């Protein structure tokens, strides 16, 4: 990629990130899915001088595969809460055997909290936890079948 094209991509990414950040801050409750998105959002929120950010740890469960906090974002002018931002992995990640059951329990709790605060009905409170259980055996069996047929093992496409 040429230097000019790299520069244009960087400019486009900055515009896209700022646009999405404005949408995120306009909503009272936000869910950030995936580590890459979480990192960008965390950087944008913590560098915004018009807000004060309180980091609240999700207590009890720990996992290396999901983020362990949510943010209370307050206006520096009024000290009113303007946004709650939750971080978790995309729901499809529960099907990959790299996620632990405790990570899925934490993700279920995060989704359930965001839904409850948003007055969105929760149809299944433990769906991600349920999905993670049988998916390990199913992935192993599928990988063994594909390997026996000469295909390489299935791998995660990206970090979510």
N, C-alpha and C. Protein backbone atom coordinates (compact mmCIF):
# COMPACT_ATOMS: atom_id res chain seq x y z
N UNK A 1 0.85 -1.16 0.00
CA UNK A 1 0.00 0.00 0.00
C UNK A 1 0.90 1.23 0.00
N UNK A 2 0.57 2.20 -0.80
CA UNK A 2 1.39 3.41 -0.89
C UNK A 2 1.23 4.25 0.36
N UNK A 3 2.18 5.15 0.56
CA UNK A 3 2.15 6.04 1.71
C UNK A 3 0.89 6.90 1.69
N UNK A 4 0.53 7.39 0.50
CA UNK A 4 -0.67 8.23 0.37
C UNK A 4 -1.92 7.43 0.74
N UNK A 5 -2.01 6.20 0.26
CA UNK A 5 -3.17 5.36 0.57
C UNK A 5 -3.22 5.05 2.07
N UNK A 6 -2.08 4.78 2.67
CA UNK A 6 -2.02 4.52 4.11
C UNK A 6 -2.53 5.74 4.88
N UNK A 7 -2.12 6.93 4.44
CA UNK A 7 -2.55 8.16 5.08
C UNK A 7 -4.07 8.35 4.94
N UNK A 8 -4.61 8.07 3.76
CA UNK A 8 -6.05 8.19 3.54
C UNK A 8 -6.83 7.20 4.39
N UNK A 9 -6.32 5.99 4.51
CA UNK A 9 -6.98 4.98 5.35
C UNK A 9 -6.99 5.44 6.80
N UNK A 10 -5.86 5.99 7.26
CA UNK A 10 -5.78 6.48 8.64
C UNK A 10 -6.76 7.63 8.88
N UNK A 11 -6.88 8.54 7.92
CA UNK A 11 -7.84 9.65 8.04
C UNK A 11 -9.26 9.10 8.09
N UNK A 12 -9.57 8.16 7.18
CA UNK A 12 -10.89 7.55 7.16
C UNK A 12 -11.21 6.84 8.46
N UNK A 13 -10.23 6.12 9.01
CA UNK A 13 -10.44 5.41 10.26
C UNK A 13 -10.73 6.41 11.38
N UNK A 14 -10.01 7.53 11.41
CA UNK A 14 -10.24 8.54 12.44
C UNK A 14 -11.62 9.14 12.34
N UNK A 15 -12.08 9.44 11.14
CA UNK A 15 -13.42 9.98 10.93
C UNK A 15 -14.47 8.97 11.38
N UNK A 16 -14.28 7.72 11.00
CA UNK A 16 -15.20 6.65 11.36
C UNK A 16 -15.26 6.48 12.89
N UNK A 17 -14.09 6.48 13.53
CA UNK A 17 -14.05 6.32 14.99
C UNK A 17 -14.74 7.47 15.69
N UNK A 18 -14.52 8.71 15.25
CA UNK A 18 -15.16 9.87 15.87
C UNK A 18 -16.68 9.84 15.67
N UNK A 19 -17.12 9.45 14.48
CA UNK A 19 -18.55 9.34 14.20
C UNK A 19 -19.19 8.31 15.12
N UNK A 20 -18.58 7.15 15.22
CA UNK A 20 -19.12 6.10 16.08
C UNK A 20 -19.08 6.49 17.55
N UNK A 21 -18.05 7.22 17.93
CA UNK A 21 -17.95 7.67 19.32
C UNK A 21 -19.09 8.62 19.65
N UNK A 22 -19.42 9.51 18.72
CA UNK A 22 -20.53 10.44 18.95
C UNK A 22 -21.85 9.68 19.08
N UNK A 23 -22.04 8.65 18.27
CA UNK A 23 -23.24 7.81 18.39
C UNK A 23 -23.25 7.10 19.74
N UNK A 24 -22.12 6.58 20.13
CA UNK A 24 -21.99 5.86 21.40
C UNK A 24 -22.35 6.76 22.57
N UNK A 25 -21.85 7.99 22.57
CA UNK A 25 -22.09 8.91 23.68
C UNK A 25 -23.52 9.46 23.66
N UNK A 26 -24.19 9.40 22.51
CA UNK A 26 -25.58 9.85 22.44
C UNK A 26 -26.54 8.84 23.07
N UNK A 27 -26.10 7.60 23.16
CA UNK A 27 -26.94 6.54 23.74
C UNK A 27 -26.72 6.48 25.25
N UNK A 28 -27.77 6.23 26.01
CA UNK A 28 -27.58 6.13 27.46
C UNK A 28 -26.84 4.86 27.89
N UNK A 29 -26.97 3.79 27.10
CA UNK A 29 -26.32 2.52 27.41
C UNK A 29 -25.67 1.98 26.14
N UNK A 30 -24.42 1.58 26.26
CA UNK A 30 -23.68 1.07 25.10
C UNK A 30 -23.02 -0.25 25.44
N UNK A 31 -22.99 -1.11 24.44
CA UNK A 31 -22.29 -2.40 24.55
C UNK A 31 -21.18 -2.40 23.50
N UNK A 32 -19.95 -2.58 23.92
CA UNK A 32 -18.82 -2.65 22.99
C UNK A 32 -18.40 -4.10 22.86
N UNK A 33 -18.46 -4.62 21.65
CA UNK A 33 -18.20 -6.03 21.42
C UNK A 33 -16.82 -6.24 20.83
N UNK A 34 -16.01 -7.03 21.51
CA UNK A 34 -14.69 -7.39 21.02
C UNK A 34 -13.59 -6.52 21.59
N UNK A 35 -12.41 -7.10 21.70
CA UNK A 35 -11.26 -6.39 22.25
C UNK A 35 -10.83 -5.20 21.40
N UNK A 36 -10.76 -5.33 20.06
CA UNK A 36 -10.33 -4.17 19.27
C UNK A 36 -11.27 -2.96 19.43
N UNK A 37 -12.56 -3.22 19.41
CA UNK A 37 -13.54 -2.14 19.59
C UNK A 37 -13.43 -1.57 21.00
N UNK A 38 -13.31 -2.45 21.96
CA UNK A 38 -13.19 -2.01 23.35
C UNK A 38 -11.99 -1.11 23.58
N UNK A 39 -10.88 -1.44 22.97
CA UNK A 39 -9.66 -0.63 23.13
C UNK A 39 -9.85 0.76 22.53
N UNK A 40 -10.41 0.83 21.33
CA UNK A 40 -10.64 2.13 20.68
C UNK A 40 -11.61 2.97 21.51
N UNK A 41 -12.70 2.37 21.94
CA UNK A 41 -13.70 3.10 22.72
C UNK A 41 -13.11 3.57 24.04
N UNK A 42 -12.36 2.70 24.71
CA UNK A 42 -11.74 3.07 25.99
C UNK A 42 -10.80 4.26 25.79
N UNK A 43 -10.00 4.24 24.73
CA UNK A 43 -9.09 5.36 24.45
C UNK A 43 -9.86 6.64 24.18
N UNK A 44 -10.92 6.57 23.38
CA UNK A 44 -11.70 7.76 23.05
C UNK A 44 -12.40 8.34 24.28
N UNK A 45 -12.99 7.46 25.10
CA UNK A 45 -13.71 7.93 26.28
C UNK A 45 -12.76 8.55 27.29
N UNK A 46 -11.65 7.89 27.56
CA UNK A 46 -10.74 8.40 28.59
C UNK A 46 -10.00 9.66 28.15
N UNK A 47 -9.91 9.91 26.85
CA UNK A 47 -9.25 11.13 26.38
C UNK A 47 -10.22 12.28 26.14
N UNK A 48 -11.50 12.05 26.33
CA UNK A 48 -12.52 13.09 26.11
C UNK A 48 -12.63 13.92 27.40
N UNK A 49 -12.25 15.18 27.32
CA UNK A 49 -12.24 16.05 28.51
C UNK A 49 -13.64 16.54 28.92
N UNK A 50 -14.64 16.29 28.07
CA UNK A 50 -15.99 16.73 28.43
C UNK A 50 -16.70 15.70 29.32
N UNK A 51 -16.02 14.58 29.58
CA UNK A 51 -16.60 13.53 30.42
C UNK A 51 -15.63 13.12 31.52
N UNK A 52 -16.20 12.67 32.60
CA UNK A 52 -15.44 12.04 33.68
C UNK A 52 -15.83 10.57 33.68
N UNK A 53 -14.86 9.69 33.72
CA UNK A 53 -15.13 8.26 33.61
C UNK A 53 -14.84 7.56 34.93
N UNK A 54 -15.82 6.78 35.38
CA UNK A 54 -15.63 5.92 36.54
C UNK A 54 -15.57 4.49 36.04
N UNK A 55 -14.50 3.80 36.34
CA UNK A 55 -14.37 2.40 35.97
C UNK A 55 -14.89 1.54 37.11
N UNK A 56 -15.84 0.67 36.79
CA UNK A 56 -16.44 -0.22 37.77
C UNK A 56 -16.06 -1.64 37.40
N UNK A 57 -15.44 -2.34 38.32
CA UNK A 57 -15.02 -3.71 38.06
C UNK A 57 -16.21 -4.65 38.18
N UNK A 58 -16.29 -5.61 37.27
CA UNK A 58 -17.28 -6.67 37.39
C UNK A 58 -16.67 -7.68 38.36
N UNK A 59 -17.25 -7.82 39.52
CA UNK A 59 -16.63 -8.61 40.57
C UNK A 59 -17.06 -10.07 40.52
N UNK A 60 -16.30 -10.90 41.19
CA UNK A 60 -16.65 -12.30 41.34
C UNK A 60 -15.96 -13.21 40.35
N UNK A 61 -16.16 -12.99 39.06
CA UNK A 61 -15.62 -13.88 38.06
C UNK A 61 -14.47 -13.21 37.32
N UNK A 62 -13.46 -13.98 37.04
CA UNK A 62 -12.36 -13.46 36.25
C UNK A 62 -12.12 -14.36 35.06
N UNK A 63 -11.65 -13.78 34.00
CA UNK A 63 -11.39 -14.53 32.78
C UNK A 63 -10.38 -13.77 31.96
N UNK A 64 -9.54 -14.49 31.23
CA UNK A 64 -8.57 -13.84 30.36
C UNK A 64 -9.19 -13.45 29.02
N UNK A 65 -10.39 -13.93 28.74
CA UNK A 65 -10.96 -13.74 27.41
C UNK A 65 -12.02 -12.65 27.33
N UNK A 66 -12.37 -12.02 28.43
CA UNK A 66 -13.34 -10.93 28.33
C UNK A 66 -12.89 -9.78 29.22
N UNK A 67 -13.40 -8.62 28.93
CA UNK A 67 -13.01 -7.45 29.70
C UNK A 67 -13.82 -7.41 30.98
N UNK A 68 -13.21 -6.91 32.04
CA UNK A 68 -13.76 -7.05 33.38
C UNK A 68 -14.31 -5.78 33.99
N UNK A 69 -14.73 -4.86 33.19
CA UNK A 69 -15.26 -3.65 33.79
C UNK A 69 -16.31 -3.01 32.91
N UNK A 70 -17.04 -2.09 33.50
CA UNK A 70 -17.91 -1.24 32.70
C UNK A 70 -17.65 0.18 33.15
N UNK A 71 -18.08 1.12 32.36
CA UNK A 71 -17.79 2.52 32.62
C UNK A 71 -19.06 3.30 32.91
N UNK A 72 -18.97 4.17 33.90
CA UNK A 72 -20.01 5.16 34.14
C UNK A 72 -19.42 6.47 33.63
N UNK A 73 -20.06 7.04 32.63
CA UNK A 73 -19.56 8.27 32.02
C UNK A 73 -20.43 9.42 32.50
N UNK A 74 -19.77 10.42 33.10
CA UNK A 74 -20.47 11.59 33.63
C UNK A 74 -20.02 12.85 32.89
N UNK A 75 -20.93 13.76 32.73
CA UNK A 75 -20.60 15.07 32.15
C UNK A 75 -19.76 15.85 33.16
N UNK A 76 -18.67 16.48 32.70
CA UNK A 76 -17.87 17.29 33.60
C UNK A 76 -18.59 18.58 33.99
N UNK A 77 -19.53 19.04 33.15
CA UNK A 77 -20.27 20.27 33.45
C UNK A 77 -21.33 20.05 34.51
N UNK A 78 -22.09 18.96 34.38
CA UNK A 78 -23.25 18.76 35.26
C UNK A 78 -23.06 17.64 36.27
N UNK A 79 -22.06 16.80 36.10
CA UNK A 79 -21.80 15.61 36.92
C UNK A 79 -22.91 14.57 36.79
N UNK A 80 -23.80 14.72 35.81
CA UNK A 80 -24.87 13.74 35.57
C UNK A 80 -24.33 12.59 34.75
N UNK A 81 -24.84 11.41 35.02
CA UNK A 81 -24.47 10.24 34.24
C UNK A 81 -25.05 10.38 32.84
N UNK A 82 -24.20 10.29 31.85
CA UNK A 82 -24.66 10.43 30.46
C UNK A 82 -24.63 9.11 29.71
N UNK A 83 -23.85 8.15 30.22
CA UNK A 83 -23.71 6.89 29.49
C UNK A 83 -23.17 5.81 30.41
N UNK A 84 -23.65 4.60 30.20
CA UNK A 84 -23.04 3.40 30.79
C UNK A 84 -22.49 2.59 29.63
N UNK A 85 -21.23 2.25 29.69
CA UNK A 85 -20.61 1.49 28.61
C UNK A 85 -20.15 0.15 29.15
N UNK A 86 -20.66 -0.91 28.54
CA UNK A 86 -20.30 -2.27 28.90
C UNK A 86 -19.39 -2.86 27.83
N UNK A 87 -18.46 -3.70 28.24
CA UNK A 87 -17.53 -4.36 27.32
C UNK A 87 -17.71 -5.87 27.44
N UNK A 88 -17.78 -6.53 26.30
CA UNK A 88 -17.86 -7.99 26.30
C UNK A 88 -17.45 -8.50 24.92
N UNK A 89 -17.39 -9.81 24.78
CA UNK A 89 -17.08 -10.36 23.47
C UNK A 89 -18.36 -10.56 22.67
N UNK A 90 -18.22 -10.70 21.36
CA UNK A 90 -19.37 -10.96 20.50
C UNK A 90 -19.97 -12.31 20.88
N UNK A 91 -21.27 -12.43 20.80
CA UNK A 91 -21.94 -13.66 21.19
C UNK A 91 -21.45 -14.90 20.48
N UNK A 92 -21.02 -14.76 19.24
CA UNK A 92 -20.54 -15.95 18.50
C UNK A 92 -19.27 -16.52 19.10
N UNK A 93 -18.55 -15.73 19.89
CA UNK A 93 -17.31 -16.22 20.50
C UNK A 93 -17.57 -17.34 21.51
N UNK A 94 -18.79 -17.44 22.02
CA UNK A 94 -19.11 -18.51 22.98
C UNK A 94 -18.96 -19.88 22.34
N UNK A 95 -19.05 -19.95 21.03
CA UNK A 95 -18.96 -21.23 20.34
C UNK A 95 -17.52 -21.70 20.14
N UNK A 96 -16.55 -20.85 20.42
CA UNK A 96 -15.15 -21.24 20.26
C UNK A 96 -14.63 -21.82 21.56
N UNK A 97 -13.92 -22.91 21.49
CA UNK A 97 -13.47 -23.59 22.71
C UNK A 97 -12.43 -22.80 23.50
N UNK A 98 -11.95 -21.68 22.98
CA UNK A 98 -10.96 -20.90 23.73
C UNK A 98 -11.60 -20.09 24.85
N UNK A 99 -12.89 -19.86 24.79
CA UNK A 99 -13.56 -19.12 25.86
C UNK A 99 -13.97 -20.07 26.98
N UNK A 100 -13.71 -19.64 28.21
CA UNK A 100 -14.05 -20.47 29.36
C UNK A 100 -15.52 -20.28 29.71
N UNK A 101 -16.04 -21.22 30.48
CA UNK A 101 -17.43 -21.11 30.95
C UNK A 101 -17.58 -19.84 31.80
N UNK A 102 -16.57 -19.54 32.64
CA UNK A 102 -16.68 -18.34 33.48
C UNK A 102 -16.73 -17.07 32.63
N UNK A 103 -16.01 -17.04 31.50
CA UNK A 103 -16.08 -15.88 30.60
C UNK A 103 -17.48 -15.75 30.02
N UNK A 104 -18.10 -16.88 29.71
CA UNK A 104 -19.45 -16.86 29.14
C UNK A 104 -20.48 -16.45 30.19
N UNK A 105 -20.29 -16.88 31.44
CA UNK A 105 -21.18 -16.46 32.52
C UNK A 105 -21.09 -14.94 32.69
N UNK A 106 -19.87 -14.41 32.67
CA UNK A 106 -19.66 -12.98 32.78
C UNK A 106 -20.29 -12.23 31.60
N UNK A 107 -20.16 -12.78 30.41
CA UNK A 107 -20.77 -12.17 29.22
C UNK A 107 -22.29 -12.19 29.32
N UNK A 108 -22.86 -13.31 29.77
CA UNK A 108 -24.31 -13.37 29.99
C UNK A 108 -24.75 -12.29 30.96
N UNK A 109 -24.01 -12.14 32.06
CA UNK A 109 -24.37 -11.13 33.06
C UNK A 109 -24.30 -9.72 32.47
N UNK A 110 -23.29 -9.49 31.62
CA UNK A 110 -23.13 -8.17 30.99
C UNK A 110 -24.30 -7.88 30.06
N UNK A 111 -24.61 -8.84 29.17
CA UNK A 111 -25.73 -8.66 28.25
C UNK A 111 -27.04 -8.49 29.01
N UNK A 112 -27.24 -9.29 30.05
CA UNK A 112 -28.47 -9.22 30.83
C UNK A 112 -28.61 -7.86 31.53
N UNK A 113 -27.51 -7.35 32.07
CA UNK A 113 -27.55 -6.04 32.73
C UNK A 113 -27.89 -4.94 31.73
N UNK A 114 -27.23 -4.98 30.57
CA UNK A 114 -27.50 -3.96 29.55
C UNK A 114 -28.96 -4.03 29.08
N UNK A 115 -29.47 -5.24 28.89
CA UNK A 115 -30.87 -5.40 28.47
C UNK A 115 -31.83 -4.91 29.55
N UNK A 116 -31.57 -5.30 30.80
CA UNK A 116 -32.46 -4.91 31.89
C UNK A 116 -32.50 -3.39 32.05
N UNK A 117 -31.33 -2.75 32.00
CA UNK A 117 -31.28 -1.29 32.13
C UNK A 117 -31.93 -0.59 30.95
N UNK A 118 -31.92 -1.23 29.79
CA UNK A 118 -32.51 -0.66 28.58
C UNK A 118 -33.97 -1.03 28.40
N UNK A 119 -34.49 -1.82 29.34
CA UNK A 119 -35.86 -2.32 29.28
C UNK A 119 -36.12 -3.16 28.04
N UNK A 120 -35.11 -3.93 27.65
CA UNK A 120 -35.22 -4.88 26.54
C UNK A 120 -35.46 -6.25 27.17
N UNK A 121 -36.48 -6.99 26.72
CA UNK A 121 -36.75 -8.30 27.33
C UNK A 121 -35.56 -9.25 27.17
N UNK A 122 -35.28 -9.99 28.24
CA UNK A 122 -34.23 -11.00 28.21
C UNK A 122 -34.91 -12.34 27.94
N UNK A 123 -34.67 -12.91 26.79
CA UNK A 123 -35.34 -14.15 26.41
C UNK A 123 -34.67 -15.38 27.00
N UNK A 124 -33.36 -15.32 27.19
CA UNK A 124 -32.64 -16.44 27.77
C UNK A 124 -31.46 -15.87 28.56
N UNK A 125 -31.52 -15.99 29.88
CA UNK A 125 -30.51 -15.36 30.73
C UNK A 125 -29.14 -16.03 30.68
N UNK A 126 -29.08 -17.25 30.19
CA UNK A 126 -27.80 -17.96 30.21
C UNK A 126 -27.45 -18.56 28.85
N UNK A 127 -27.81 -17.89 27.79
CA UNK A 127 -27.62 -18.44 26.46
C UNK A 127 -26.15 -18.65 26.12
N UNK A 128 -25.29 -17.67 26.40
CA UNK A 128 -23.87 -17.81 26.07
C UNK A 128 -23.23 -18.94 26.88
N UNK A 129 -23.61 -19.05 28.15
CA UNK A 129 -23.09 -20.13 28.98
C UNK A 129 -23.54 -21.47 28.44
N UNK A 130 -24.80 -21.56 28.05
CA UNK A 130 -25.31 -22.80 27.46
C UNK A 130 -24.55 -23.12 26.17
N UNK A 131 -24.35 -22.10 25.31
CA UNK A 131 -23.69 -22.32 24.02
C UNK A 131 -22.26 -22.79 24.20
N UNK A 132 -21.59 -22.32 25.24
CA UNK A 132 -20.18 -22.68 25.44
C UNK A 132 -20.02 -24.14 25.85
N UNK A 133 -21.00 -24.69 26.57
CA UNK A 133 -20.87 -26.07 27.05
C UNK A 133 -20.79 -27.09 25.93
N UNK A 134 -21.84 -27.26 25.14
CA UNK A 134 -21.80 -28.28 24.09
C UNK A 134 -20.87 -27.93 22.94
N UNK A 135 -20.54 -26.66 22.79
CA UNK A 135 -19.73 -26.28 21.63
C UNK A 135 -18.33 -26.87 21.70
N UNK A 136 -17.79 -27.08 22.89
CA UNK A 136 -16.45 -27.65 23.01
C UNK A 136 -16.39 -29.05 22.40
N UNK A 137 -17.33 -29.89 22.80
CA UNK A 137 -17.36 -31.25 22.27
C UNK A 137 -17.67 -31.24 20.78
N UNK A 138 -18.58 -30.38 20.36
CA UNK A 138 -18.94 -30.31 18.94
C UNK A 138 -17.76 -29.86 18.10
N UNK A 139 -17.00 -28.88 18.57
CA UNK A 139 -15.83 -28.40 17.83
C UNK A 139 -14.76 -29.49 17.73
N UNK A 140 -14.54 -30.17 18.85
CA UNK A 140 -13.54 -31.25 18.85
C UNK A 140 -13.92 -32.33 17.84
N UNK A 141 -15.19 -32.73 17.87
CA UNK A 141 -15.65 -33.78 16.95
C UNK A 141 -15.55 -33.31 15.49
N UNK A 142 -15.94 -32.08 15.22
CA UNK A 142 -15.86 -31.55 13.87
C UNK A 142 -14.41 -31.47 13.40
N UNK A 143 -13.52 -30.98 14.26
CA UNK A 143 -12.11 -30.88 13.90
C UNK A 143 -11.51 -32.26 13.62
N UNK A 144 -11.88 -33.25 14.42
CA UNK A 144 -11.37 -34.61 14.19
C UNK A 144 -11.88 -35.17 12.87
N UNK A 145 -13.16 -34.92 12.57
CA UNK A 145 -13.74 -35.39 11.30
C UNK A 145 -13.05 -34.73 10.11
N UNK A 146 -12.88 -33.41 10.19
CA UNK A 146 -12.23 -32.69 9.10
C UNK A 146 -10.76 -33.10 8.95
N UNK A 147 -10.08 -33.31 10.06
CA UNK A 147 -8.67 -33.72 10.01
C UNK A 147 -8.56 -35.09 9.36
N UNK A 148 -9.51 -35.98 9.68
CA UNK A 148 -9.50 -37.32 9.08
C UNK A 148 -9.71 -37.24 7.57
N UNK A 149 -10.39 -36.20 7.11
CA UNK A 149 -10.63 -36.01 5.68
C UNK A 149 -9.54 -35.18 5.01
N UNK A 150 -8.52 -34.78 5.77
CA UNK A 150 -7.41 -34.05 5.19
C UNK A 150 -7.50 -32.54 5.29
N UNK A 151 -8.51 -32.02 6.00
CA UNK A 151 -8.64 -30.58 6.17
C UNK A 151 -7.94 -30.14 7.45
N UNK A 152 -7.37 -28.94 7.47
CA UNK A 152 -6.76 -28.46 8.72
C UNK A 152 -7.85 -28.13 9.74
N UNK A 153 -7.44 -28.03 10.99
CA UNK A 153 -8.39 -27.68 12.05
C UNK A 153 -9.00 -26.31 11.83
N UNK A 154 -10.25 -26.15 12.24
CA UNK A 154 -10.90 -24.86 12.19
C UNK A 154 -10.25 -23.93 13.20
N UNK A 155 -10.10 -22.68 12.85
CA UNK A 155 -9.49 -21.70 13.73
C UNK A 155 -10.38 -20.48 13.79
N UNK A 156 -10.26 -19.74 14.89
CA UNK A 156 -10.98 -18.48 15.00
C UNK A 156 -10.52 -17.55 13.88
N UNK A 157 -11.46 -16.83 13.28
CA UNK A 157 -11.12 -15.91 12.22
C UNK A 157 -10.53 -14.62 12.72
N UNK A 158 -10.93 -14.16 13.91
CA UNK A 158 -10.42 -12.92 14.46
C UNK A 158 -10.67 -12.90 15.96
N UNK A 159 -10.08 -11.96 16.61
CA UNK A 159 -10.21 -11.83 18.05
C UNK A 159 -11.46 -11.03 18.38
N UNK A 160 -12.50 -11.68 18.91
CA UNK A 160 -13.74 -10.97 19.22
C UNK A 160 -14.03 -11.00 20.69
